[in-house]
Amino acid sequence: MKKMVLRLLALSTVLGCLLGASAGEPKEGVQYVRLAHPVTGVDARQVAEVFWYGCHHSYELEQPLADWAARQNPPVKVVRIPAVWPDQPDMVAYARLYYTLDRLGLAQRMAIPVFHAVHDQRLNLTTKANVLAWAAKQGLDVNAVRAAYESKKVTDAVKAAPALRERYQVVEQPTVVVGGRFRTSPFQADSVAGTIRVLDHLHRTAAAR
């Protein structure tokens, strides 16, 4: 009996060490990386997300990221950047949809409905006709959506999107960049939950770095 107790104590010690190690601070070069060229002119605590409506991982990160931002004191306003490579028409089209909603002040509220439409309902929201039909079903002002979709400001934002992505040195989506200096993603952090944990660490320590 005594030997069994000693074995159990030894096992609990090993497990405790393993759990302690896994709960340690995220490591630079492992769960996150430092940008080779920091983004200038941004606050040390800025949180930017580069995403794509067509990306399932972006869908998975959307709600946890929004929940994390809302829990902060004061709440964090996440800078959203649609991922665009100019030779990818679907990315360009979904960037137009994002900037259309953003111009109407609806981007945050309609994020989950857009992801739901694209991934769960298998809707193609890469054309104006489909976007307007979807907007009508969502109870949005279709005339306002059309005007924003066709506006020069939205067109200019879409054209600038690839350079904005390059400025944040992002090659995959979704990616979260803190303070224009540190980058993480579900691929680096192993999961969406891991991404939020790394983000929280980077945001809390940003001012001291």
C-alpha atoms as a PDB file:
ATOM      1  CA  MET A   1       0.000   0.000   0.000  1.00  0.00           C
ATOM      2  CA  LYS A   2       2.808   2.368   0.915  1.00  0.00           C
ATOM      3  CA  LYS A   3       4.570   1.681  -2.405  1.00  0.00           C
ATOM      4  CA  MET A   4       1.335   2.405  -4.299  1.00  0.00           C
ATOM      5  CA  VAL A   5       0.941   5.734  -2.487  1.00  0.00           C
ATOM      6  CA  LEU A   6       4.524   6.677  -3.307  1.00  0.00           C
ATOM      7  CA  ARG A   7       3.981   5.806  -6.964  1.00  0.00           C
ATOM      8  CA  LEU A   8       0.824   7.911  -7.076  1.00  0.00           C
ATOM      9  CA  LEU A   9       2.652  10.836  -5.488  1.00  0.00           C
ATOM     10  CA  ALA A  10       5.470  10.500  -7.999  1.00  0.00           C
ATOM     11  CA  LEU A  11       3.000  10.357 -10.877  1.00  0.00           C
ATOM     12  CA  SER A  12       1.161  13.436  -9.609  1.00  0.00           C
ATOM     13  CA  THR A  13       4.461  15.294  -9.369  1.00  0.00           C
ATOM     14  CA  VAL A  14       5.313  14.446 -12.989  1.00  0.00           C
ATOM     15  CA  LEU A  15       1.853  15.466 -14.181  1.00  0.00           C
ATOM     16  CA  GLY A  16       2.109  18.686 -12.217  1.00  0.00           C
ATOM     17  CA  CYS A  17       5.398  19.505 -13.893  1.00  0.00           C
ATOM     18  CA  LEU A  18       3.960  18.784 -17.329  1.00  0.00           C
ATOM     19  CA  LEU A  19       0.894  20.912 -16.689  1.00  0.00           C
ATOM     20  CA  GLY A  20       3.045  23.696 -15.309  1.00  0.00           C
ATOM     21  CA  ALA A  21       5.205  23.634 -18.415  1.00  0.00           C
ATOM     22  CA  SER A  22       2.197  23.720 -20.733  1.00  0.00           C
ATOM     23  CA  ALA A  23       0.733  26.617 -18.756  1.00  0.00           C
ATOM     24  CA  GLY A  24       3.921  28.659 -19.037  1.00  0.00           C
ATOM     25  CA  GLU A  25       4.242  31.877 -20.998  1.00  0.00           C
ATOM     26  CA  PRO A  26       4.100  31.606 -24.786  1.00  0.00           C
ATOM     27  CA  LYS A  27       7.536  31.549 -26.364  1.00  0.00           C
ATOM     28  CA  GLU A  28       8.776  33.882 -29.075  1.00  0.00           C
ATOM     29  CA  GLY A  29       9.703  31.938 -32.168  1.00  0.00           C
ATOM     30  CA  VAL A  30       7.306  29.143 -31.220  1.00  0.00           C
ATOM     31  CA  GLN A  31       3.776  30.375 -30.468  1.00  0.00           C
ATOM     32  CA  TYR A  32       4.430  33.829 -31.907  1.00  0.00           C
ATOM     33  CA  VAL A  33       7.048  35.676 -33.924  1.00  0.00           C
ATOM     34  CA  ARG A  34       8.466  39.163 -33.940  1.00  0.00           C
ATOM     35  CA  LEU A  35       7.941  40.984 -37.231  1.00  0.00           C
ATOM     36  CA  ALA A  36      11.144  41.591 -39.145  1.00  0.00           C
ATOM     37  CA  HIS A  37       9.930  45.115 -39.892  1.00  0.00           C
ATOM     38  CA  PRO A  38       7.619  46.502 -37.174  1.00  0.00           C
ATOM     39  CA  VAL A  39       4.586  48.399 -38.405  1.00  0.00           C
ATOM     40  CA  THR A  40       5.182  52.058 -37.626  1.00  0.00           C
ATOM     41  CA  GLY A  41       2.652  54.520 -36.298  1.00  0.00           C
ATOM     42  CA  VAL A  42       0.483  52.058 -34.369  1.00  0.00           C
ATOM     43  CA  ASP A  43      -0.196  51.835 -30.640  1.00  0.00           C
ATOM     44  CA  ALA A  44       1.752  49.200 -28.702  1.00  0.00           C
ATOM     45  CA  ARG A  45      -1.533  47.524 -27.723  1.00  0.00           C
ATOM     46  CA  GLN A  46      -3.202  47.640 -31.116  1.00  0.00           C
ATOM     47  CA  VAL A  47      -4.731  44.304 -32.103  1.00  0.00           C
ATOM     48  CA  ALA A  48      -5.088  43.708 -35.831  1.00  0.00           C
ATOM     49  CA  GLU A  49      -6.622  40.611 -37.408  1.00  0.00           C
ATOM     50  CA  VAL A  50      -6.048  39.614 -41.012  1.00  0.00           C
ATOM     51  CA  PHE A  51      -8.891  37.325 -42.052  1.00  0.00           C
ATOM     52  CA  TRP A  52     -10.853  35.993 -45.009  1.00  0.00           C
ATOM     53  CA  TYR A  53     -14.565  35.238 -45.110  1.00  0.00           C
ATOM     54  CA  GLY A  54     -13.770  32.140 -47.172  1.00  0.00           C
ATOM     55  CA  CYS A  55     -11.450  30.714 -44.503  1.00  0.00           C
ATOM     56  CA  HIS A  56     -12.941  28.252 -42.034  1.00  0.00           C
ATOM     57  CA  HIS A  57     -10.231  28.998 -39.458  1.00  0.00           C
ATOM     58  CA  SER A  58     -11.164  32.681 -39.652  1.00  0.00           C
ATOM     59  CA  TYR A  59     -14.745  31.635 -38.904  1.00  0.00           C
ATOM     60  CA  GLU A  60     -13.604  29.630 -35.877  1.00  0.00           C
ATOM     61  CA  LEU A  61     -11.571  32.537 -34.506  1.00  0.00           C
ATOM     62  CA  GLU A  62     -14.212  35.246 -35.030  1.00  0.00           C
ATOM     63  CA  GLN A  63     -16.365  34.745 -31.934  1.00  0.00           C
ATOM     64  CA  PRO A  64     -13.555  33.906 -29.459  1.00  0.00           C
ATOM     65  CA  LEU A  65     -11.634  36.977 -30.641  1.00  0.00           C
ATOM     66  CA  ALA A  66     -14.708  39.201 -30.299  1.00  0.00           C
ATOM     67  CA  ASP A  67     -15.394  37.779 -26.826  1.00  0.00           C
ATOM     68  CA  TRP A  68     -11.790  38.363 -25.751  1.00  0.00           C
ATOM     69  CA  ALA A  69     -11.851  41.951 -27.019  1.00  0.00           C
ATOM     70  CA  ALA A  70     -15.102  42.667 -25.155  1.00  0.00           C
ATOM     71  CA  ARG A  71     -13.669  41.321 -21.866  1.00  0.00           C
ATOM     72  CA  GLN A  72     -10.755  43.758 -21.822  1.00  0.00           C
ATOM     73  CA  ASN A  73     -10.854  46.901 -19.712  1.00  0.00           C
ATOM     74  CA  PRO A  74     -11.302  49.084 -21.623  1.00  0.00           C
ATOM     75  CA  PRO A  75     -12.694  46.916 -24.433  1.00  0.00           C
ATOM     76  CA  VAL A  76     -10.328  46.441 -27.362  1.00  0.00           C
ATOM     77  CA  LYS A  77     -11.351  47.557 -30.848  1.00  0.00           C
ATOM     78  CA  VAL A  78      -9.828  44.996 -33.188  1.00  0.00           C
ATOM     79  CA  VAL A  79      -8.545  46.395 -36.488  1.00  0.00           C
ATOM     80  CA  ARG A  80      -9.906  44.069 -39.176  1.00  0.00           C
ATOM     81  CA  ILE A  81      -7.924  43.626 -42.380  1.00  0.00           C
ATOM     82  CA  PRO A  82      -9.352  41.422 -45.130  1.00  0.00           C
ATOM     83  CA  ALA A  83      -6.672  39.153 -46.550  1.00  0.00           C
ATOM     84  CA  VAL A  84      -6.239  39.891 -50.242  1.00  0.00           C
ATOM     85  CA  TRP A  85      -3.876  38.610 -52.895  1.00  0.00           C
ATOM     86  CA  PRO A  86      -4.669  40.552 -56.091  1.00  0.00           C
ATOM     87  CA  ASP A  87      -4.693  37.419 -58.255  1.00  0.00           C
ATOM     88  CA  GLN A  88      -7.371  35.767 -56.087  1.00  0.00           C
ATOM     89  CA  PRO A  89     -10.795  37.043 -57.271  1.00  0.00           C
ATOM     90  CA  ASP A  90     -12.729  35.520 -54.352  1.00  0.00           C
ATOM     91  CA  MET A  91     -10.498  37.304 -51.842  1.00  0.00           C
ATOM     92  CA  VAL A  92     -10.966  40.590 -53.684  1.00  0.00           C
ATOM     93  CA  ALA A  93     -14.735  40.058 -53.738  1.00  0.00           C
ATOM     94  CA  TYR A  94     -14.940  39.239 -50.042  1.00  0.00           C
ATOM     95  CA  ALA A  95     -12.801  42.269 -49.234  1.00  0.00           C
ATOM     96  CA  ARG A  96     -15.408  44.362 -51.072  1.00  0.00           C
ATOM     97  CA  LEU A  97     -18.150  42.773 -48.973  1.00  0.00           C
ATOM     98  CA  TYR A  98     -16.228  43.527 -45.753  1.00  0.00           C
ATOM     99  CA  TYR A  99     -15.552  47.158 -46.665  1.00  0.00           C
ATOM    100  CA  THR A 100     -19.181  47.570 -47.758  1.00  0.00           C
ATOM    101  CA  LEU A 101     -20.394  46.432 -44.349  1.00  0.00           C
ATOM    102  CA  ASP A 102     -17.693  48.449 -42.599  1.00  0.00           C
ATOM    103  CA  ARG A 103     -18.756  51.610 -44.423  1.00  0.00           C
ATOM    104  CA  LEU A 104     -22.290  51.045 -43.137  1.00  0.00           C
ATOM    105  CA  GLY A 105     -21.075  50.390 -39.599  1.00  0.00           C
ATOM    106  CA  LEU A 106     -22.211  46.764 -39.825  1.00  0.00           C
ATOM    107  CA  ALA A 107     -18.961  44.828 -40.195  1.00  0.00           C
ATOM    108  CA  GLN A 108     -18.734  43.628 -36.599  1.00  0.00           C
ATOM    109  CA  ARG A 109     -22.435  42.853 -36.166  1.00  0.00           C
ATOM    110  CA  MET A 110     -22.674  40.994 -39.462  1.00  0.00           C
ATOM    111  CA  ALA A 111     -19.388  39.067 -39.239  1.00  0.00           C
ATOM    112  CA  ILE A 112     -20.890  35.843 -37.907  1.00  0.00           C
ATOM    113  CA  PRO A 113     -23.900  35.995 -40.284  1.00  0.00           C
ATOM    114  CA  VAL A 114     -21.492  36.336 -43.237  1.00  0.00           C
ATOM    115  CA  PHE A 115     -19.357  33.417 -42.078  1.00  0.00           C
ATOM    116  CA  HIS A 116     -22.508  31.383 -41.437  1.00  0.00           C
ATOM    117  CA  ALA A 117     -23.806  32.126 -44.930  1.00  0.00           C
ATOM    118  CA  VAL A 118     -20.512  31.232 -46.621  1.00  0.00           C
ATOM    119  CA  HIS A 119     -19.563  28.132 -44.629  1.00  0.00           C
ATOM    120  CA  ASP A 120     -22.790  26.661 -43.285  1.00  0.00           C
ATOM    121  CA  GLN A 121     -25.257  27.678 -45.973  1.00  0.00           C
ATOM    122  CA  ARG A 122     -22.696  27.418 -48.784  1.00  0.00           C
ATOM    123  CA  LEU A 123     -23.732  30.755 -50.267  1.00  0.00           C
ATOM    124  CA  ASN A 124     -21.519  32.489 -52.804  1.00  0.00           C
ATOM    125  CA  LEU A 125     -21.252  36.120 -51.695  1.00  0.00           C
ATOM    126  CA  THR A 126     -18.661  37.127 -54.290  1.00  0.00           C
ATOM    127  CA  THR A 127     -21.093  38.913 -56.636  1.00  0.00           C
ATOM    128  CA  LYS A 128     -23.141  42.050 -56.146  1.00  0.00           C
ATOM    129  CA  ALA A 129     -26.407  40.286 -57.002  1.00  0.00           C
ATOM    130  CA  ASN A 130     -25.805  37.580 -54.402  1.00  0.00           C
ATOM    131  CA  VAL A 131     -24.727  40.091 -51.768  1.00  0.00           C
ATOM    132  CA  LEU A 132     -27.853  42.190 -52.308  1.00  0.00           C
ATOM    133  CA  ALA A 133     -30.094  39.117 -52.149  1.00  0.00           C
ATOM    134  CA  TRP A 134     -28.402  38.026 -48.917  1.00  0.00           C
ATOM    135  CA  ALA A 135     -28.642  41.558 -47.479  1.00  0.00           C
ATOM    136  CA  ALA A 136     -32.379  41.612 -48.171  1.00  0.00           C
ATOM    137  CA  LYS A 137     -32.850  38.329 -46.285  1.00  0.00           C
ATOM    138  CA  GLN A 138     -30.864  39.794 -43.380  1.00  0.00           C
ATOM    139  CA  GLY A 139     -33.231  42.769 -43.203  1.00  0.00           C
ATOM    140  CA  LEU A 140     -30.546  45.251 -44.251  1.00  0.00           C
ATOM    141  CA  ASP A 141     -31.220  48.390 -46.275  1.00  0.00           C
ATOM    142  CA  VAL A 142     -30.543  47.004 -49.748  1.00  0.00           C
ATOM    143  CA  ASN A 143     -30.228  50.447 -51.361  1.00  0.00           C
ATOM    144  CA  ALA A 144     -27.634  51.456 -48.771  1.00  0.00           C
ATOM    145  CA  VAL A 145     -25.738  48.208 -49.295  1.00  0.00           C
ATOM    146  CA  ARG A 146     -25.774  48.700 -53.057  1.00  0.00           C
ATOM    147  CA  ALA A 147     -24.561  52.292 -52.778  1.00  0.00           C
ATOM    148  CA  ALA A 148     -21.715  51.317 -50.459  1.00  0.00           C
ATOM    149  CA  TYR A 149     -20.789  48.274 -52.564  1.00  0.00           C
ATOM    150  CA  GLU A 150     -20.459  50.458 -55.663  1.00  0.00           C
ATOM    151  CA  SER A 151     -18.836  53.449 -53.917  1.00  0.00           C
ATOM    152  CA  LYS A 152     -15.402  54.815 -54.759  1.00  0.00           C
ATOM    153  CA  LYS A 153     -14.352  54.668 -51.107  1.00  0.00           C
ATOM    154  CA  VAL A 154     -15.018  50.936 -50.945  1.00  0.00           C
ATOM    155  CA  THR A 155     -13.285  50.405 -54.295  1.00  0.00           C
ATOM    156  CA  ASP A 156     -10.251  52.351 -53.069  1.00  0.00           C
ATOM    157  CA  ALA A 157     -10.162  50.327 -49.821  1.00  0.00           C
ATOM    158  CA  VAL A 158     -10.260  47.063 -51.754  1.00  0.00           C
ATOM    159  CA  LYS A 159      -7.397  48.230 -53.981  1.00  0.00           C
ATOM    160  CA  ALA A 160      -5.348  49.162 -50.904  1.00  0.00           C
ATOM    161  CA  ALA A 161      -6.029  45.868 -49.081  1.00  0.00           C
ATOM    162  CA  PRO A 162      -3.122  43.839 -50.543  1.00  0.00           C
ATOM    163  CA  ALA A 163      -0.592  46.482 -49.508  1.00  0.00           C
ATOM    164  CA  LEU A 164      -2.148  46.665 -46.048  1.00  0.00           C
ATOM    165  CA  ARG A 165      -1.777  42.906 -45.647  1.00  0.00           C
ATOM    166  CA  GLU A 166       1.832  43.134 -46.805  1.00  0.00           C
ATOM    167  CA  ARG A 167       2.469  45.959 -44.341  1.00  0.00           C
ATOM    168  CA  TYR A 168       1.566  43.567 -41.524  1.00  0.00           C
ATOM    169  CA  GLN A 169       3.741  40.867 -43.142  1.00  0.00           C
ATOM    170  CA  VAL A 170       0.955  38.295 -43.133  1.00  0.00           C
ATOM    171  CA  VAL A 171       1.178  35.175 -45.290  1.00  0.00           C
ATOM    172  CA  GLU A 172      -1.696  33.149 -43.819  1.00  0.00           C
ATOM    173  CA  GLN A 173      -5.122  33.766 -42.419  1.00  0.00           C
ATOM    174  CA  PRO A 174      -6.317  34.243 -39.857  1.00  0.00           C
ATOM    175  CA  THR A 175      -3.379  36.044 -38.290  1.00  0.00           C
ATOM    176  CA  VAL A 176      -3.376  38.360 -35.277  1.00  0.00           C
ATOM    177  CA  VAL A 177      -0.755  41.098 -34.932  1.00  0.00           C
ATOM    178  CA  VAL A 178      -0.227  42.942 -31.646  1.00  0.00           C
ATOM    179  CA  GLY A 179       1.305  46.393 -31.548  1.00  0.00           C
ATOM    180  CA  GLY A 180       2.513  46.031 -35.112  1.00  0.00           C
ATOM    181  CA  ARG A 181       5.351  43.904 -33.749  1.00  0.00           C
ATOM    182  CA  PHE A 182       4.209  40.405 -32.796  1.00  0.00           C
ATOM    183  CA  ARG A 183       2.283  37.930 -34.916  1.00  0.00           C
ATOM    184  CA  THR A 184       0.434  34.751 -33.973  1.00  0.00           C
ATOM    185  CA  SER A 185      -2.173  32.473 -35.523  1.00  0.00           C
ATOM    186  CA  PRO A 186      -3.972  29.172 -34.905  1.00  0.00           C
ATOM    187  CA  PHE A 187      -1.197  27.504 -36.904  1.00  0.00           C
ATOM    188  CA  GLN A 188       1.544  28.887 -34.655  1.00  0.00           C
ATOM    189  CA  ALA A 189      -0.412  28.547 -31.412  1.00  0.00           C
ATOM    190  CA  ASP A 190      -1.791  25.103 -32.365  1.00  0.00           C
ATOM    191  CA  SER A 191      -5.454  26.072 -31.945  1.00  0.00           C
ATOM    192  CA  VAL A 192      -7.940  28.915 -31.718  1.00  0.00           C
ATOM    193  CA  ALA A 193      -7.850  28.686 -27.914  1.00  0.00           C
ATOM    194  CA  GLY A 194      -4.056  28.816 -28.049  1.00  0.00           C
ATOM    195  CA  THR A 195      -4.225  31.895 -30.270  1.00  0.00           C
ATOM    196  CA  ILE A 196      -6.389  33.716 -27.723  1.00  0.00           C
ATOM    197  CA  ARG A 197      -4.002  32.722 -24.933  1.00  0.00           C
ATOM    198  CA  VAL A 198      -0.991  34.039 -26.864  1.00  0.00           C
ATOM    199  CA  LEU A 199      -2.881  37.187 -27.819  1.00  0.00           C
ATOM    200  CA  ASP A 200      -3.788  37.829 -24.193  1.00  0.00           C
ATOM    201  CA  HIS A 201      -0.158  37.446 -23.148  1.00  0.00           C
ATOM    202  CA  LEU A 202       1.117  39.754 -25.908  1.00  0.00           C
ATOM    203  CA  HIS A 203      -1.530  42.378 -25.189  1.00  0.00           C
ATOM    204  CA  ARG A 204      -0.880  42.360 -21.436  1.00  0.00           C
ATOM    205  CA  THR A 205       2.877  42.697 -21.873  1.00  0.00           C
ATOM    206  CA  ALA A 206       2.908  44.935 -24.950  1.00  0.00           C
ATOM    207  CA  ALA A 207       3.689  48.176 -23.158  1.00  0.00           C
ATOM    208  CA  ALA A 208       6.713  46.637 -21.445  1.00  0.00           C
ATOM    209  CA  ARG A 209       8.237  45.184 -24.607  1.00  0.00           C
END
